[in-house]
Amino acid sequence: MPHLNIDPVPAAAALVQALQVLVSRETSPLGSAVLSITQLQTNSDADNIIPDHVTLRGTLRALTHEHMLLMQQRIEQAVPAVVSAFRCNGSVDWQLEHHPYYPPTVNDAGAAAFAREVAGEVLGSENVLETEPIMPGEDFSFFTRAVPSAFMFLGIRNESVGSVHNLHNANFQIDEGVLPVGAAVHAALALKYLSLGQEGFGSRSSSSSGGREEL
């Protein structure tokens, strides 16, 4: 009889909703965080069997290291507390052995100004835009922690070849025709930087823009 069992499915559904409160009510409106539950799996493949357990998977992102740690802490507190109302037990596994912690990708102010100037010389300043901070998971973040760096995007939208979908969309595809443009910008950055000698583009500035962390 279903009423004699403990059903983890409604507990999981309630947890998905509850976790979003950490973003809407515990994240400053001047900051940002993204908590996405992207998978819900049970150990049952029958439509008349209540499963023993449910596994939720997803991704957590924040703009600062401090906020990331806070979100981790609150998730670890919320999971067992929410599912206990449904007579269930819950725990969090960050799976760091498979998905190591990624630090923020933060542009150095001097490097970003240098990159914008050189890209403008190659592409025309009207074609070089500054974006709002975003939170992609990025290996480049490790470089930004070691040396002054700047992370840039290369526009690839081209309706004639179907390159119109955003990254992480199942229909995403790149317009490879823009790759020579990206190579030209990189070459120009290298040549300009080498021509500056020891002066470089200035020392690392504490006033940086952009950033993201992901787990």
C-alpha atoms as a PDB file:
ATOM      1  CA  MET A   1       0.000   0.000   0.000  1.00  0.00           C
ATOM      2  CA  PRO A   2       1.494   3.371  -0.994  1.00  0.00           C
ATOM      3  CA  HIS A   3       0.469   5.064   2.256  1.00  0.00           C
ATOM      4  CA  LEU A   4       2.510   2.571   4.239  1.00  0.00           C
ATOM      5  CA  ASN A   5       5.704   3.467   2.380  1.00  0.00           C
ATOM      6  CA  ILE A   6       8.027   6.426   2.611  1.00  0.00           C
ATOM      7  CA  ASP A   7       8.024   8.148  -0.766  1.00  0.00           C
ATOM      8  CA  PRO A   8      11.203  10.111  -1.580  1.00  0.00           C
ATOM      9  CA  VAL A   9       9.784  11.617  -4.786  1.00  0.00           C
ATOM     10  CA  PRO A  10       7.638  14.362  -3.166  1.00  0.00           C
ATOM     11  CA  ALA A  11      10.537  15.006  -0.787  1.00  0.00           C
ATOM     12  CA  ALA A  12      12.806  15.548  -3.774  1.00  0.00           C
ATOM     13  CA  ALA A  13      10.250  17.799  -5.458  1.00  0.00           C
ATOM     14  CA  ALA A  14       9.935  19.913  -2.310  1.00  0.00           C
ATOM     15  CA  LEU A  15      13.717  20.096  -2.023  1.00  0.00           C
ATOM     16  CA  VAL A  16      14.091  21.426  -5.566  1.00  0.00           C
ATOM     17  CA  GLN A  17      11.729  24.269  -4.701  1.00  0.00           C
ATOM     18  CA  ALA A  18      13.264  24.937  -1.298  1.00  0.00           C
ATOM     19  CA  LEU A  19      16.788  25.210  -2.672  1.00  0.00           C
ATOM     20  CA  GLN A  20      15.743  28.066  -4.958  1.00  0.00           C
ATOM     21  CA  VAL A  21      14.909  30.117  -1.866  1.00  0.00           C
ATOM     22  CA  LEU A  22      18.642  30.195  -1.149  1.00  0.00           C
ATOM     23  CA  VAL A  23      19.017  32.226  -4.326  1.00  0.00           C
ATOM     24  CA  SER A  24      15.891  34.394  -4.083  1.00  0.00           C
ATOM     25  CA  ARG A  25      16.029  35.142  -0.348  1.00  0.00           C
ATOM     26  CA  GLU A  26      19.597  34.543   0.823  1.00  0.00           C
ATOM     27  CA  THR A  27      21.539  36.101  -2.046  1.00  0.00           C
ATOM     28  CA  SER A  28      22.068  39.851  -2.136  1.00  0.00           C
ATOM     29  CA  PRO A  29      20.285  41.564  -5.042  1.00  0.00           C
ATOM     30  CA  LEU A  30      23.634  43.262  -5.719  1.00  0.00           C
ATOM     31  CA  GLY A  31      25.349  39.882  -5.968  1.00  0.00           C
ATOM     32  CA  SER A  32      24.423  36.783  -7.868  1.00  0.00           C
ATOM     33  CA  ALA A  33      24.199  33.010  -7.607  1.00  0.00           C
ATOM     34  CA  VAL A  34      22.834  30.226  -9.779  1.00  0.00           C
ATOM     35  CA  LEU A  35      21.603  26.920  -8.373  1.00  0.00           C
ATOM     36  CA  SER A  36      20.310  24.576 -11.064  1.00  0.00           C
ATOM     37  CA  ILE A  37      18.904  21.095 -10.449  1.00  0.00           C
ATOM     38  CA  THR A  38      19.341  19.438 -13.830  1.00  0.00           C
ATOM     39  CA  GLN A  39      18.683  15.757 -13.078  1.00  0.00           C
ATOM     40  CA  LEU A  40      16.252  13.779 -10.899  1.00  0.00           C
ATOM     41  CA  GLN A  41      16.844  10.036 -10.885  1.00  0.00           C
ATOM     42  CA  THR A  42      15.253   7.159  -8.933  1.00  0.00           C
ATOM     43  CA  ASN A  43      16.226   3.511  -8.584  1.00  0.00           C
ATOM     44  CA  SER A  44      12.895   2.361 -10.034  1.00  0.00           C
ATOM     45  CA  ASP A  45      11.964   1.996 -13.704  1.00  0.00           C
ATOM     46  CA  ALA A  46       8.404   0.799 -13.049  1.00  0.00           C
ATOM     47  CA  ASP A  47       5.419   3.138 -12.936  1.00  0.00           C
ATOM     48  CA  ASN A  48       3.750   1.335 -10.013  1.00  0.00           C
ATOM     49  CA  ILE A  49       6.753   1.072  -7.655  1.00  0.00           C
ATOM     50  CA  ILE A  50       7.729   3.679  -5.064  1.00  0.00           C
ATOM     51  CA  PRO A  51      11.506   4.049  -5.276  1.00  0.00           C
ATOM     52  CA  ASP A  52      13.855   3.582  -2.341  1.00  0.00           C
ATOM     53  CA  HIS A  53      15.791   6.751  -3.064  1.00  0.00           C
ATOM     54  CA  VAL A  54      16.067   9.761  -5.325  1.00  0.00           C
ATOM     55  CA  THR A  55      19.258  11.384  -6.557  1.00  0.00           C
ATOM     56  CA  LEU A  56      19.307  15.051  -7.541  1.00  0.00           C
ATOM     57  CA  ARG A  57      22.164  16.455  -9.598  1.00  0.00           C
ATOM     58  CA  GLY A  58      22.953  19.981 -10.619  1.00  0.00           C
ATOM     59  CA  THR A  59      25.351  22.879 -10.502  1.00  0.00           C
ATOM     60  CA  LEU A  60      26.053  25.732  -8.110  1.00  0.00           C
ATOM     61  CA  ARG A  61      27.657  28.990  -9.192  1.00  0.00           C
ATOM     62  CA  ALA A  62      28.431  32.298  -7.505  1.00  0.00           C
ATOM     63  CA  LEU A  63      30.397  35.450  -8.214  1.00  0.00           C
ATOM     64  CA  THR A  64      32.629  35.316  -5.149  1.00  0.00           C
ATOM     65  CA  HIS A  65      34.464  32.662  -3.202  1.00  0.00           C
ATOM     66  CA  GLU A  66      32.783  33.797   0.020  1.00  0.00           C
ATOM     67  CA  HIS A  67      29.293  33.473  -1.399  1.00  0.00           C
ATOM     68  CA  MET A  68      30.087  30.067  -2.826  1.00  0.00           C
ATOM     69  CA  LEU A  69      31.125  28.811   0.618  1.00  0.00           C
ATOM     70  CA  LEU A  70      27.960  30.246   2.162  1.00  0.00           C
ATOM     71  CA  MET A  71      25.755  28.585  -0.448  1.00  0.00           C
ATOM     72  CA  GLN A  72      27.493  25.253   0.107  1.00  0.00           C
ATOM     73  CA  GLN A  73      26.919  25.527   3.830  1.00  0.00           C
ATOM     74  CA  ARG A  74      23.238  26.405   3.454  1.00  0.00           C
ATOM     75  CA  ILE A  75      22.626  23.583   0.977  1.00  0.00           C
ATOM     76  CA  GLU A  76      24.188  21.102   3.379  1.00  0.00           C
ATOM     77  CA  GLN A  77      21.876  22.422   6.106  1.00  0.00           C
ATOM     78  CA  ALA A  78      18.739  22.577   3.952  1.00  0.00           C
ATOM     79  CA  VAL A  79      18.850  19.103   2.377  1.00  0.00           C
ATOM     80  CA  PRO A  80      18.401  16.978   5.532  1.00  0.00           C
ATOM     81  CA  ALA A  81      16.071  19.552   7.115  1.00  0.00           C
ATOM     82  CA  VAL A  82      13.639  19.709   4.171  1.00  0.00           C
ATOM     83  CA  VAL A  83      13.424  15.979   3.435  1.00  0.00           C
ATOM     84  CA  SER A  84      13.008  15.114   7.116  1.00  0.00           C
ATOM     85  CA  ALA A  85       9.483  16.565   6.886  1.00  0.00           C
ATOM     86  CA  PHE A  86       8.734  13.665   4.519  1.00  0.00           C
ATOM     87  CA  ARG A  87      10.334  11.073   6.872  1.00  0.00           C
ATOM     88  CA  CYS A  88      13.353  10.854   4.564  1.00  0.00           C
ATOM     89  CA  ASN A  89      17.076  11.233   5.057  1.00  0.00           C
ATOM     90  CA  GLY A  90      19.221  13.349   2.796  1.00  0.00           C
ATOM     91  CA  SER A  91      22.877  14.209   2.296  1.00  0.00           C
ATOM     92  CA  VAL A  92      25.073  16.206  -0.086  1.00  0.00           C
ATOM     93  CA  ASP A  93      27.994  14.842  -2.103  1.00  0.00           C
ATOM     94  CA  TRP A  94      29.951  17.549  -3.921  1.00  0.00           C
ATOM     95  CA  GLN A  95      31.834  14.862  -5.917  1.00  0.00           C
ATOM     96  CA  LEU A  96      35.055  16.844  -5.770  1.00  0.00           C
ATOM     97  CA  GLU A  97      37.006  13.849  -7.015  1.00  0.00           C
ATOM     98  CA  HIS A  98      35.160  14.133 -10.347  1.00  0.00           C
ATOM     99  CA  HIS A  99      34.255  17.837 -10.420  1.00  0.00           C
ATOM    100  CA  PRO A 100      36.953  19.847  -8.636  1.00  0.00           C
ATOM    101  CA  TYR A 101      36.174  23.277  -7.293  1.00  0.00           C
ATOM    102  CA  TYR A 102      36.659  26.049  -9.835  1.00  0.00           C
ATOM    103  CA  PRO A 103      37.833  29.459  -8.568  1.00  0.00           C
ATOM    104  CA  PRO A 104      36.444  32.742  -9.935  1.00  0.00           C
ATOM    105  CA  THR A 105      37.383  33.866 -13.406  1.00  0.00           C
ATOM    106  CA  VAL A 106      38.247  37.493 -12.684  1.00  0.00           C
ATOM    107  CA  ASN A 107      39.686  39.845 -15.283  1.00  0.00           C
ATOM    108  CA  ASP A 108      42.668  41.931 -14.258  1.00  0.00           C
ATOM    109  CA  ALA A 109      41.801  45.588 -14.950  1.00  0.00           C
ATOM    110  CA  GLY A 110      45.088  46.309 -16.755  1.00  0.00           C
ATOM    111  CA  ALA A 111      44.959  43.141 -18.839  1.00  0.00           C
ATOM    112  CA  ALA A 112      41.317  43.748 -19.767  1.00  0.00           C
ATOM    113  CA  ALA A 113      42.037  47.324 -20.893  1.00  0.00           C
ATOM    114  CA  PHE A 114      45.001  46.107 -22.940  1.00  0.00           C
ATOM    115  CA  ALA A 115      42.958  43.335 -24.576  1.00  0.00           C
ATOM    116  CA  ARG A 116      40.118  45.728 -25.386  1.00  0.00           C
ATOM    117  CA  GLU A 117      42.520  48.212 -26.987  1.00  0.00           C
ATOM    118  CA  VAL A 118      44.250  45.606 -29.159  1.00  0.00           C
ATOM    119  CA  ALA A 119      40.992  43.916 -30.163  1.00  0.00           C
ATOM    120  CA  GLY A 120      39.666  47.334 -31.165  1.00  0.00           C
ATOM    121  CA  GLU A 121      42.675  47.874 -33.400  1.00  0.00           C
ATOM    122  CA  VAL A 122      42.011  44.551 -35.154  1.00  0.00           C
ATOM    123  CA  LEU A 123      38.219  44.526 -35.282  1.00  0.00           C
ATOM    124  CA  GLY A 124      37.283  48.171 -34.880  1.00  0.00           C
ATOM    125  CA  SER A 125      36.425  49.591 -31.460  1.00  0.00           C
ATOM    126  CA  GLU A 126      32.709  49.550 -32.299  1.00  0.00           C
ATOM    127  CA  ASN A 127      32.893  45.750 -32.510  1.00  0.00           C
ATOM    128  CA  VAL A 128      34.433  45.261 -29.060  1.00  0.00           C
ATOM    129  CA  LEU A 129      31.810  45.201 -26.315  1.00  0.00           C
ATOM    130  CA  GLU A 130      32.015  44.877 -22.540  1.00  0.00           C
ATOM    131  CA  THR A 131      29.619  42.311 -21.099  1.00  0.00           C
ATOM    132  CA  GLU A 132      28.005  42.008 -17.706  1.00  0.00           C
ATOM    133  CA  PRO A 133      29.582  39.507 -15.284  1.00  0.00           C
ATOM    134  CA  ILE A 134      28.581  35.929 -16.054  1.00  0.00           C
ATOM    135  CA  MET A 135      29.252  32.576 -14.382  1.00  0.00           C
ATOM    136  CA  PRO A 136      30.504  29.924 -16.786  1.00  0.00           C
ATOM    137  CA  GLY A 137      32.680  27.090 -15.488  1.00  0.00           C
ATOM    138  CA  GLU A 138      36.063  27.957 -16.889  1.00  0.00           C
ATOM    139  CA  ASP A 139      39.514  26.339 -16.739  1.00  0.00           C
ATOM    140  CA  PHE A 140      40.989  29.755 -17.540  1.00  0.00           C
ATOM    141  CA  SER A 141      40.175  30.789 -13.967  1.00  0.00           C
ATOM    142  CA  PHE A 142      43.321  29.012 -12.795  1.00  0.00           C
ATOM    143  CA  PHE A 143      45.434  31.218 -15.060  1.00  0.00           C
ATOM    144  CA  THR A 144      43.794  34.357 -13.679  1.00  0.00           C
ATOM    145  CA  ARG A 145      44.896  33.373 -10.189  1.00  0.00           C
ATOM    146  CA  ALA A 146      48.513  32.954 -11.300  1.00  0.00           C
ATOM    147  CA  VAL A 147      49.129  35.915 -13.636  1.00  0.00           C
ATOM    148  CA  PRO A 148      47.281  39.091 -14.738  1.00  0.00           C
ATOM    149  CA  SER A 149      44.777  37.865 -17.310  1.00  0.00           C
ATOM    150  CA  ALA A 150      41.739  38.816 -19.353  1.00  0.00           C
ATOM    151  CA  PHE A 151      38.992  36.493 -20.563  1.00  0.00           C
ATOM    152  CA  MET A 152      37.345  37.448 -23.862  1.00  0.00           C
ATOM    153  CA  PHE A 153      34.486  36.070 -25.955  1.00  0.00           C
ATOM    154  CA  LEU A 154      34.472  35.788 -29.737  1.00  0.00           C
ATOM    155  CA  GLY A 155      31.083  36.438 -31.314  1.00  0.00           C
ATOM    156  CA  ILE A 156      29.950  33.600 -33.567  1.00  0.00           C
ATOM    157  CA  ARG A 157      26.292  34.310 -34.332  1.00  0.00           C
ATOM    158  CA  ASN A 158      25.580  33.557 -37.966  1.00  0.00           C
ATOM    159  CA  GLU A 159      22.016  32.706 -38.952  1.00  0.00           C
ATOM    160  CA  SER A 160      23.072  31.478 -42.393  1.00  0.00           C
ATOM    161  CA  VAL A 161      24.885  28.487 -40.875  1.00  0.00           C
ATOM    162  CA  GLY A 162      22.530  27.961 -37.925  1.00  0.00           C
ATOM    163  CA  SER A 163      24.903  29.370 -35.331  1.00  0.00           C
ATOM    164  CA  VAL A 164      22.147  31.044 -33.291  1.00  0.00           C
ATOM    165  CA  HIS A 165      21.876  29.019 -30.076  1.00  0.00           C
ATOM    166  CA  ASN A 166      23.585  29.737 -26.777  1.00  0.00           C
ATOM    167  CA  LEU A 167      26.180  27.502 -25.162  1.00  0.00           C
ATOM    168  CA  HIS A 168      24.632  24.583 -23.204  1.00  0.00           C
ATOM    169  CA  ASN A 169      21.752  24.464 -25.696  1.00  0.00           C
ATOM    170  CA  ALA A 170      21.389  21.058 -27.339  1.00  0.00           C
ATOM    171  CA  ASN A 171      21.336  22.767 -30.754  1.00  0.00           C
ATOM    172  CA  PHE A 172      24.491  24.840 -30.194  1.00  0.00           C
ATOM    173  CA  GLN A 173      26.996  24.831 -33.018  1.00  0.00           C
ATOM    174  CA  ILE A 174      29.943  27.079 -33.751  1.00  0.00           C
ATOM    175  CA  ASP A 175      30.512  29.051 -36.917  1.00  0.00           C
ATOM    176  CA  GLU A 176      34.059  27.944 -37.672  1.00  0.00           C
ATOM    177  CA  GLY A 177      34.414  30.803 -40.113  1.00  0.00           C
ATOM    178  CA  VAL A 178      35.179  33.140 -37.203  1.00  0.00           C
ATOM    179  CA  LEU A 179      38.185  31.128 -36.017  1.00  0.00           C
ATOM    180  CA  PRO A 180      40.662  33.087 -38.179  1.00  0.00           C
ATOM    181  CA  VAL A 181      39.317  36.265 -36.570  1.00  0.00           C
ATOM    182  CA  GLY A 182      40.046  34.898 -33.115  1.00  0.00           C
ATOM    183  CA  ALA A 183      43.514  33.776 -34.218  1.00  0.00           C
ATOM    184  CA  ALA A 184      44.224  37.264 -35.580  1.00  0.00           C
ATOM    185  CA  VAL A 185      43.231  38.885 -32.273  1.00  0.00           C
ATOM    186  CA  HIS A 186      45.412  36.480 -30.296  1.00  0.00           C
ATOM    187  CA  ALA A 187      48.376  37.107 -32.598  1.00  0.00           C
ATOM    188  CA  ALA A 188      47.916  40.864 -32.283  1.00  0.00           C
ATOM    189  CA  LEU A 189      47.763  40.589 -28.488  1.00  0.00           C
ATOM    190  CA  ALA A 190      51.012  38.624 -28.411  1.00  0.00           C
ATOM    191  CA  LEU A 191      52.849  40.964 -30.777  1.00  0.00           C
ATOM    192  CA  LYS A 192      51.677  44.101 -28.985  1.00  0.00           C
ATOM    193  CA  TYR A 193      52.554  42.691 -25.577  1.00  0.00           C
ATOM    194  CA  LEU A 194      56.054  41.679 -26.721  1.00  0.00           C
ATOM    195  CA  SER A 195      56.613  45.131 -28.197  1.00  0.00           C
ATOM    196  CA  LEU A 196      55.973  46.708 -24.796  1.00  0.00           C
ATOM    197  CA  GLY A 197      58.936  44.871 -23.253  1.00  0.00           C
ATOM    198  CA  GLN A 198      59.317  44.961 -19.471  1.00  0.00           C
ATOM    199  CA  GLU A 199      56.617  47.593 -19.125  1.00  0.00           C
ATOM    200  CA  GLY A 200      53.853  45.178 -20.114  1.00  0.00           C
ATOM    201  CA  PHE A 201      50.331  46.466 -19.525  1.00  0.00           C
ATOM    202  CA  GLY A 202      50.850  47.522 -15.927  1.00  0.00           C
ATOM    203  CA  SER A 203      50.777  45.785 -12.579  1.00  0.00           C
ATOM    204  CA  ARG A 204      47.868  43.676 -11.413  1.00  0.00           C
ATOM    205  CA  SER A 205      45.100  45.928 -10.168  1.00  0.00           C
ATOM    206  CA  SER A 206      42.885  45.233  -7.196  1.00  0.00           C
ATOM    207  CA  SER A 207      39.925  46.720  -9.030  1.00  0.00           C
ATOM    208  CA  SER A 208      38.838  43.826 -11.204  1.00  0.00           C
ATOM    209  CA  SER A 209      35.638  43.239 -13.097  1.00  0.00           C
ATOM    210  CA  GLY A 210      33.666  40.107 -13.757  1.00  0.00           C
ATOM    211  CA  GLY A 211      33.914  36.851 -11.893  1.00  0.00           C
ATOM    212  CA  ARG A 212      32.366  33.513 -11.244  1.00  0.00           C
ATOM    213  CA  GLU A 213      32.724  30.377  -9.313  1.00  0.00           C
ATOM    214  CA  GLU A 214      31.276  27.007 -10.041  1.00  0.00           C
ATOM    215  CA  LEU A 215      30.988  23.693  -8.330  1.00  0.00           C
END
